[in-house]
Amino acid sequence: MHTAVALSRLEREEHLRFAMKSRQHIGEAVGVLVERHRILPDEAFQRLVKTSQHRNVKVHEIAEAVVTTGQDPEEIQLL
């Protein structure tokens, strides 16, 4: 019983860490797009979402690529 509770807590903490890191990448990518294109944060986020939907790739993966490569979402070549 104690093992199951501990495992559940560990999984929840891991999920929260991943969510926080994903949120950070998305925020950084939005910032890159806002600065580069002089657009509002909502528009920058929508560009990430649109590319995510078009390519069937998670938003946080697109955002991480924007932050890592400095490219616009539409230009990123994902493997």
PDB file of N, CA and C in Angstrom:
ATOM      1  N   MET A   1       0.824  -1.201   0.000  1.00  0.00           N
ATOM      2  CA  MET A   1       0.000   0.000   0.000  1.00  0.00           C
ATOM      3  C   MET A   1       0.864   1.258   0.000  1.00  0.00           C
ATOM      4  N   HIS A   2       1.880   1.291   0.868  1.00  0.00           N
ATOM      5  CA  HIS A   2       2.752   2.457   0.952  1.00  0.00           C
ATOM      6  C   HIS A   2       3.546   2.643  -0.338  1.00  0.00           C
ATOM      7  N   THR A   3       3.908   1.546  -0.960  1.00  0.00           N
ATOM      8  CA  THR A   3       4.650   1.612  -2.214  1.00  0.00           C
ATOM      9  C   THR A   3       3.795   2.232  -3.310  1.00  0.00           C
ATOM     10  N   ALA A   4       2.535   1.858  -3.384  1.00  0.00           N
ATOM     11  CA  ALA A   4       1.630   2.400  -4.393  1.00  0.00           C
ATOM     12  C   ALA A   4       1.430   3.897  -4.205  1.00  0.00           C
ATOM     13  N   VAL A   5       1.302   4.328  -2.968  1.00  0.00           N
ATOM     14  CA  VAL A   5       1.131   5.759  -2.678  1.00  0.00           C
ATOM     15  C   VAL A   5       2.402   6.519  -3.059  1.00  0.00           C
ATOM     16  N   ALA A   6       3.546   5.965  -2.700  1.00  0.00           N
ATOM     17  CA  ALA A   6       4.823   6.616  -3.027  1.00  0.00           C
ATOM     18  C   ALA A   6       5.022   6.688  -4.533  1.00  0.00           C
ATOM     19  N   LEU A   7       4.692   5.629  -5.237  1.00  0.00           N
ATOM     20  CA  LEU A   7       4.825   5.607  -6.689  1.00  0.00           C
ATOM     21  C   LEU A   7       3.886   6.612  -7.341  1.00  0.00           C
ATOM     22  N   SER A   8       2.675   6.687  -6.849  1.00  0.00           N
ATOM     23  CA  SER A   8       1.714   7.652  -7.367  1.00  0.00           C
ATOM     24  C   SER A   8       2.209   9.083  -7.167  1.00  0.00           C
ATOM     25  N   ARG A   9       2.744   9.362  -5.993  1.00  0.00           N
ATOM     26  CA  ARG A   9       3.271  10.695  -5.701  1.00  0.00           C
ATOM     27  C   ARG A   9       4.448  11.018  -6.619  1.00  0.00           C
ATOM     28  N   LEU A  10       5.325  10.056  -6.829  1.00  0.00           N
ATOM     29  CA  LEU A  10       6.481  10.245  -7.700  1.00  0.00           C
ATOM     30  C   LEU A  10       6.051  10.531  -9.135  1.00  0.00           C
ATOM     31  N   GLU A  11       5.061   9.790  -9.621  1.00  0.00           N
ATOM     32  CA  GLU A  11       4.549  10.021 -10.976  1.00  0.00           C
ATOM     33  C   GLU A  11       3.925  11.410 -11.097  1.00  0.00           C
ATOM     34  N   ARG A  12       3.193  11.812 -10.083  1.00  0.00           N
ATOM     35  CA  ARG A  12       2.559  13.135 -10.100  1.00  0.00           C
ATOM     36  C   ARG A  12       3.621  14.231 -10.114  1.00  0.00           C
ATOM     37  N   GLU A  13       4.667  14.089  -9.304  1.00  0.00           N
ATOM     38  CA  GLU A  13       5.748  15.078  -9.270  1.00  0.00           C
ATOM     39  C   GLU A  13       6.476  15.144 -10.607  1.00  0.00           C
ATOM     40  N   GLU A  14       6.705  13.990 -11.212  1.00  0.00           N
ATOM     41  CA  GLU A  14       7.364  13.957 -12.520  1.00  0.00           C
ATOM     42  C   GLU A  14       6.503  14.658 -13.571  1.00  0.00           C
ATOM     43  N   HIS A  15       5.209  14.415 -13.527  1.00  0.00           N
ATOM     44  CA  HIS A  15       4.285  15.065 -14.461  1.00  0.00           C
ATOM     45  C   HIS A  15       4.305  16.589 -14.271  1.00  0.00           C
ATOM     46  N   LEU A  16       4.322  17.042 -13.032  1.00  0.00           N
ATOM     47  CA  LEU A  16       4.354  18.477 -12.758  1.00  0.00           C
ATOM     48  C   LEU A  16       5.657  19.109 -13.242  1.00  0.00           C
ATOM     49  N   ARG A  17       6.779  18.426 -13.047  1.00  0.00           N
ATOM     50  CA  ARG A  17       8.064  18.944 -13.539  1.00  0.00           C
ATOM     51  C   ARG A  17       8.035  19.092 -15.057  1.00  0.00           C
ATOM     52  N   PHE A  18       7.506  18.066 -15.736  1.00  0.00           N
ATOM     53  CA  PHE A  18       7.416  18.112 -17.188  1.00  0.00           C
ATOM     54  C   PHE A  18       6.517  19.259 -17.632  1.00  0.00           C
ATOM     55  N   ALA A  19       5.389  19.432 -16.965  1.00  0.00           N
ATOM     56  CA  ALA A  19       4.455  20.504 -17.312  1.00  0.00           C
ATOM     57  C   ALA A  19       5.096  21.874 -17.119  1.00  0.00           C
ATOM     58  N   MET A  20       5.841  22.037 -16.050  1.00  0.00           N
ATOM     59  CA  MET A  20       6.502  23.321 -15.789  1.00  0.00           C
ATOM     60  C   MET A  20       7.560  23.608 -16.850  1.00  0.00           C
ATOM     61  N   LYS A  21       8.326  22.598 -17.230  1.00  0.00           N
ATOM     62  CA  LYS A  21       9.351  22.786 -18.254  1.00  0.00           C
ATOM     63  C   LYS A  21       8.707  23.104 -19.599  1.00  0.00           C
ATOM     64  N   SER A  22       7.614  22.406 -19.921  1.00  0.00           N
ATOM     65  CA  SER A  22       6.903  22.670 -21.172  1.00  0.00           C
ATOM     66  C   SER A  22       6.364  24.096 -21.197  1.00  0.00           C
ATOM     67  N   ARG A  23       5.790  24.513 -20.089  1.00  0.00           N
ATOM     68  CA  ARG A  23       5.246  25.872 -19.996  1.00  0.00           C
ATOM     69  C   ARG A  23       6.350  26.908 -20.168  1.00  0.00           C
ATOM     70  N   GLN A  24       7.509  26.635 -19.591  1.00  0.00           N
ATOM     71  CA  GLN A  24       8.641  27.554 -19.719  1.00  0.00           C
ATOM     72  C   GLN A  24       9.080  27.666 -21.175  1.00  0.00           C
ATOM     73  N   HIS A  25       9.190  26.536 -21.878  1.00  0.00           N
ATOM     74  CA  HIS A  25       9.576  26.578 -23.291  1.00  0.00           C
ATOM     75  C   HIS A  25       8.559  27.346 -24.118  1.00  0.00           C
ATOM     76  N   ILE A  26       7.293  27.129 -23.853  1.00  0.00           N
ATOM     77  CA  ILE A  26       6.249  27.836 -24.603  1.00  0.00           C
ATOM     78  C   ILE A  26       6.339  29.331 -24.343  1.00  0.00           C
ATOM     79  N   GLY A  27       6.531  29.718 -23.088  1.00  0.00           N
ATOM     80  CA  GLY A  27       6.672  31.138 -22.757  1.00  0.00           C
ATOM     81  C   GLY A  27       7.879  31.774 -23.417  1.00  0.00           C
ATOM     82  N   GLU A  28       8.992  31.055 -23.437  1.00  0.00           N
ATOM     83  CA  GLU A  28      10.198  31.574 -24.088  1.00  0.00           C
ATOM     84  C   GLU A  28       9.980  31.717 -25.592  1.00  0.00           C
ATOM     85  N   ALA A  29       9.346  30.722 -26.203  1.00  0.00           N
ATOM     86  CA  ALA A  29       9.087  30.782 -27.642  1.00  0.00           C
ATOM     87  C   ALA A  29       8.149  31.941 -27.972  1.00  0.00           C
ATOM     88  N   VAL A  30       7.131  32.137 -27.160  1.00  0.00           N
ATOM     89  CA  VAL A  30       6.232  33.280 -27.357  1.00  0.00           C
ATOM     90  C   VAL A  30       7.038  34.570 -27.282  1.00  0.00           C
ATOM     91  N   GLY A  31       7.913  34.674 -26.312  1.00  0.00           N
ATOM     92  CA  GLY A  31       8.754  35.866 -26.176  1.00  0.00           C
ATOM     93  C   GLY A  31       9.634  36.105 -27.391  1.00  0.00           C
ATOM     94  N   VAL A  32      10.205  35.040 -27.925  1.00  0.00           N
ATOM     95  CA  VAL A  32      11.041  35.153 -29.131  1.00  0.00           C
ATOM     96  C   VAL A  32      10.214  35.707 -30.281  1.00  0.00           C
ATOM     97  N   LEU A  33       9.024  35.150 -30.475  1.00  0.00           N
ATOM     98  CA  LEU A  33       8.175  35.590 -31.591  1.00  0.00           C
ATOM     99  C   LEU A  33       7.665  37.012 -31.401  1.00  0.00           C
ATOM    100  N   VAL A  34       7.316  37.368 -30.182  1.00  0.00           N
ATOM    101  CA  VAL A  34       6.847  38.729 -29.890  1.00  0.00           C
ATOM    102  C   VAL A  34       7.940  39.733 -30.225  1.00  0.00           C
ATOM    103  N   GLU A  35       9.143  39.441 -29.771  1.00  0.00           N
ATOM    104  CA  GLU A  35      10.261  40.365 -30.004  1.00  0.00           C
ATOM    105  C   GLU A  35      10.619  40.442 -31.482  1.00  0.00           C
ATOM    106  N   ARG A  36      10.696  39.307 -32.118  1.00  0.00           N
ATOM    107  CA  ARG A  36      11.134  39.271 -33.517  1.00  0.00           C
ATOM    108  C   ARG A  36      10.128  39.914 -34.468  1.00  0.00           C
ATOM    109  N   HIS A  37       8.845  39.647 -34.248  1.00  0.00           N
ATOM    110  CA  HIS A  37       7.823  40.094 -35.201  1.00  0.00           C
ATOM    111  C   HIS A  37       6.981  41.257 -34.699  1.00  0.00           C
ATOM    112  N   ARG A  38       7.265  41.718 -33.481  1.00  0.00           N
ATOM    113  CA  ARG A  38       6.492  42.822 -32.892  1.00  0.00           C
ATOM    114  C   ARG A  38       4.999  42.532 -32.926  1.00  0.00           C
ATOM    115  N   ILE A  39       4.653  41.337 -32.427  1.00  0.00           N
ATOM    116  CA  ILE A  39       3.254  40.922 -32.362  1.00  0.00           C
ATOM    117  C   ILE A  39       2.866  40.738 -30.906  1.00  0.00           C
ATOM    118  N   LEU A  40       1.582  40.597 -30.659  1.00  0.00           N
ATOM    119  CA  LEU A  40       1.085  40.382 -29.304  1.00  0.00           C
ATOM    120  C   LEU A  40       1.328  38.928 -28.879  1.00  0.00           C
ATOM    121  N   PRO A  41       1.477  38.695 -27.592  1.00  0.00           N
ATOM    122  CA  PRO A  41       1.699  37.320 -27.108  1.00  0.00           C
ATOM    123  C   PRO A  41       0.620  36.331 -27.556  1.00  0.00           C
ATOM    124  N   ASP A  42      -0.634  36.753 -27.591  1.00  0.00           N
ATOM    125  CA  ASP A  42      -1.702  35.844 -28.037  1.00  0.00           C
ATOM    126  C   ASP A  42      -1.486  35.403 -29.485  1.00  0.00           C
ATOM    127  N   GLU A  43      -1.066  36.330 -30.319  1.00  0.00           N
ATOM    128  CA  GLU A  43      -0.815  35.998 -31.723  1.00  0.00           C
ATOM    129  C   GLU A  43       0.384  35.055 -31.840  1.00  0.00           C
ATOM    130  N   ALA A  44       1.413  35.294 -31.053  1.00  0.00           N
ATOM    131  CA  ALA A  44       2.589  34.421 -31.066  1.00  0.00           C
ATOM    132  C   ALA A  44       2.205  33.006 -30.639  1.00  0.00           C
ATOM    133  N   PHE A  45       1.402  32.909 -29.591  1.00  0.00           N
ATOM    134  CA  PHE A  45       0.962  31.594 -29.123  1.00  0.00           C
ATOM    135  C   PHE A  45       0.135  30.899 -30.194  1.00  0.00           C
ATOM    136  N   GLN A  46      -0.731  31.635 -30.868  1.00  0.00           N
ATOM    137  CA  GLN A  46      -1.554  31.050 -31.923  1.00  0.00           C
ATOM    138  C   GLN A  46      -0.693  30.524 -33.069  1.00  0.00           C
ATOM    139  N   ARG A  47       0.418  31.193 -33.358  1.00  0.00           N
ATOM    140  CA  ARG A  47       1.331  30.696 -34.393  1.00  0.00           C
ATOM    141  C   ARG A  47       1.919  29.351 -33.986  1.00  0.00           C
ATOM    142  N   LEU A  48       2.252  29.214 -32.705  1.00  0.00           N
ATOM    143  CA  LEU A  48       2.769  27.935 -32.215  1.00  0.00           C
ATOM    144  C   LEU A  48       1.699  26.848 -32.326  1.00  0.00           C
ATOM    145  N   VAL A  49       0.484  27.182 -31.919  1.00  0.00           N
ATOM    146  CA  VAL A  49      -0.623  26.219 -31.961  1.00  0.00           C
ATOM    147  C   VAL A  49      -0.934  25.815 -33.399  1.00  0.00           C
ATOM    148  N   LYS A  50      -0.987  26.786 -34.289  1.00  0.00           N
ATOM    149  CA  LYS A  50      -1.297  26.502 -35.697  1.00  0.00           C
ATOM    150  C   LYS A  50      -0.258  25.563 -36.297  1.00  0.00           C
ATOM    151  N   THR A  51       1.013  25.829 -36.036  1.00  0.00           N
ATOM    152  CA  THR A  51       2.070  24.963 -36.552  1.00  0.00           C
ATOM    153  C   THR A  51       1.967  23.575 -35.928  1.00  0.00           C
ATOM    154  N   SER A  52       1.669  23.528 -34.639  1.00  0.00           N
ATOM    155  CA  SER A  52       1.508  22.255 -33.940  1.00  0.00           C
ATOM    156  C   SER A  52       0.403  21.418 -34.583  1.00  0.00           C
ATOM    157  N   GLN A  53      -0.719  22.034 -34.855  1.00  0.00           N
ATOM    158  CA  GLN A  53      -1.845  21.322 -35.449  1.00  0.00           C
ATOM    159  C   GLN A  53      -1.547  20.900 -36.881  1.00  0.00           C
ATOM    160  N   HIS A  54      -0.915  21.787 -37.627  1.00  0.00           N
ATOM    161  CA  HIS A  54      -0.609  21.514 -39.032  1.00  0.00           C
ATOM    162  C   HIS A  54       0.365  20.340 -39.168  1.00  0.00           C
ATOM    163  N   ARG A  55       1.331  20.267 -38.250  1.00  0.00           N
ATOM    164  CA  ARG A  55       2.357  19.221 -38.322  1.00  0.00           C
ATOM    165  C   ARG A  55       2.070  18.021 -37.429  1.00  0.00           C
ATOM    166  N   ASN A  56       1.013  18.114 -36.655  1.00  0.00           N
ATOM    167  CA  ASN A  56       0.667  17.050 -35.719  1.00  0.00           C
ATOM    168  C   ASN A  56       1.823  16.768 -34.742  1.00  0.00           C
ATOM    169  N   VAL A  57       2.336  17.853 -34.174  1.00  0.00           N
ATOM    170  CA  VAL A  57       3.435  17.801 -33.207  1.00  0.00           C
ATOM    171  C   VAL A  57       2.988  18.600 -31.993  1.00  0.00           C
ATOM    172  N   LYS A  58       3.335  18.141 -30.821  1.00  0.00           N
ATOM    173  CA  LYS A  58       2.938  18.823 -29.584  1.00  0.00           C
ATOM    174  C   LYS A  58       3.460  20.264 -29.573  1.00  0.00           C
ATOM    175  N   VAL A  59       2.668  21.169 -28.996  1.00  0.00           N
ATOM    176  CA  VAL A  59       3.038  22.585 -28.924  1.00  0.00           C
ATOM    177  C   VAL A  59       4.377  22.759 -28.206  1.00  0.00           C
ATOM    178  N   HIS A  60       4.592  22.024 -27.125  1.00  0.00           N
ATOM    179  CA  HIS A  60       5.838  22.205 -26.386  1.00  0.00           C
ATOM    180  C   HIS A  60       7.050  21.785 -27.214  1.00  0.00           C
ATOM    181  N   GLU A  61       6.889  20.841 -28.149  1.00  0.00           N
ATOM    182  CA  GLU A  61       7.993  20.440 -29.024  1.00  0.00           C
ATOM    183  C   GLU A  61       8.300  21.537 -30.037  1.00  0.00           C
ATOM    184  N   ILE A  62       7.260  22.153 -30.587  1.00  0.00           N
ATOM    185  CA  ILE A  62       7.455  23.283 -31.505  1.00  0.00           C
ATOM    186  C   ILE A  62       8.136  24.428 -30.756  1.00  0.00           C
ATOM    187  N   ALA A  63       7.653  24.717 -29.557  1.00  0.00           N
ATOM    188  CA  ALA A  63       8.219  25.807 -28.760  1.00  0.00           C
ATOM    189  C   ALA A  63       9.681  25.553 -28.432  1.00  0.00           C
ATOM    190  N   GLU A  64      10.011  24.342 -28.047  1.00  0.00           N
ATOM    191  CA  GLU A  64      11.403  24.012 -27.725  1.00  0.00           C
ATOM    192  C   GLU A  64      12.298  24.208 -28.952  1.00  0.00           C
ATOM    193  N   ALA A  65      11.795  23.833 -30.127  1.00  0.00           N
ATOM    194  CA  ALA A  65      12.565  24.012 -31.358  1.00  0.00           C
ATOM    195  C   ALA A  65      12.751  25.491 -31.676  1.00  0.00           C
ATOM    196  N   VAL A  66      11.734  26.310 -31.444  1.00  0.00           N
ATOM    197  CA  VAL A  66      11.861  27.757 -31.669  1.00  0.00           C
ATOM    198  C   VAL A  66      12.942  28.329 -30.760  1.00  0.00           C
ATOM    199  N   VAL A  67      12.908  27.941 -29.495  1.00  0.00           N
ATOM    200  CA  VAL A  67      13.887  28.451 -28.527  1.00  0.00           C
ATOM    201  C   VAL A  67      15.284  27.957 -28.876  1.00  0.00           C
ATOM    202  N   THR A  68      15.410  26.701 -29.254  1.00  0.00           N
ATOM    203  CA  THR A  68      16.712  26.098 -29.530  1.00  0.00           C
ATOM    204  C   THR A  68      17.327  26.606 -30.830  1.00  0.00           C
ATOM    205  N   THR A  69      16.520  26.686 -31.891  1.00  0.00           N
ATOM    206  CA  THR A  69      17.053  27.040 -33.213  1.00  0.00           C
ATOM    207  C   THR A  69      16.940  28.517 -33.541  1.00  0.00           C
ATOM    208  N   GLY A  70      15.990  29.198 -32.905  1.00  0.00           N
ATOM    209  CA  GLY A  70      15.749  30.597 -33.226  1.00  0.00           C
ATOM    210  C   GLY A  70      14.917  30.781 -34.482  1.00  0.00           C
ATOM    211  N   GLN A  71      14.454  29.687 -35.069  1.00  0.00           N
ATOM    212  CA  GLN A  71      13.659  29.771 -36.290  1.00  0.00           C
ATOM    213  C   GLN A  71      12.191  30.010 -35.962  1.00  0.00           C
ATOM    214  N   ASP A  72      11.473  30.530 -36.944  1.00  0.00           N
ATOM    215  CA  ASP A  72      10.029  30.663 -36.811  1.00  0.00           C
ATOM    216  C   ASP A  72       9.403  29.277 -36.835  1.00  0.00           C
ATOM    217  N   PRO A  73       8.250  29.110 -36.199  1.00  0.00           N
ATOM    218  CA  PRO A  73       7.623  27.786 -36.135  1.00  0.00           C
ATOM    219  C   PRO A  73       7.403  27.142 -37.502  1.00  0.00           C
ATOM    220  N   GLU A  74       7.005  27.951 -38.486  1.00  0.00           N
ATOM    221  CA  GLU A  74       6.706  27.422 -39.817  1.00  0.00           C
ATOM    222  C   GLU A  74       7.953  26.925 -40.536  1.00  0.00           C
ATOM    223  N   GLU A  75       9.136  27.381 -40.137  1.00  0.00           N
ATOM    224  CA  GLU A  75      10.387  27.060 -40.827  1.00  0.00           C
ATOM    225  C   GLU A  75      11.138  25.877 -40.201  1.00  0.00           C
ATOM    226  N   ILE A  76      10.723  25.450 -39.054  1.00  0.00           N
ATOM    227  CA  ILE A  76      11.459  24.420 -38.313  1.00  0.00           C
ATOM    228  C   ILE A  76      11.339  23.069 -39.008  1.00  0.00           C
ATOM    229  N   GLN A  77      12.476  22.418 -39.144  1.00  0.00           N
ATOM    230  CA  GLN A  77      12.520  21.071 -39.697  1.00  0.00           C
ATOM    231  C   GLN A  77      12.696  20.082 -38.556  1.00  0.00           C
ATOM    232  N   LEU A  78      11.622  19.418 -38.170  1.00  0.00           N
ATOM    233  CA  LEU A  78      11.674  18.432 -37.094  1.00  0.00           C
ATOM    234  C   LEU A  78      11.951  17.058 -37.681  1.00  0.00           C
ATOM    235  N   LEU A  79      12.666  16.267 -36.912  1.00  0.00           N
ATOM    236  CA  LEU A  79      12.957  14.897 -37.372  1.00  0.00           C
ATOM    237  C   LEU A  79      11.838  13.963 -37.036  1.00  0.00           C
TER     238      LEU A  79
END
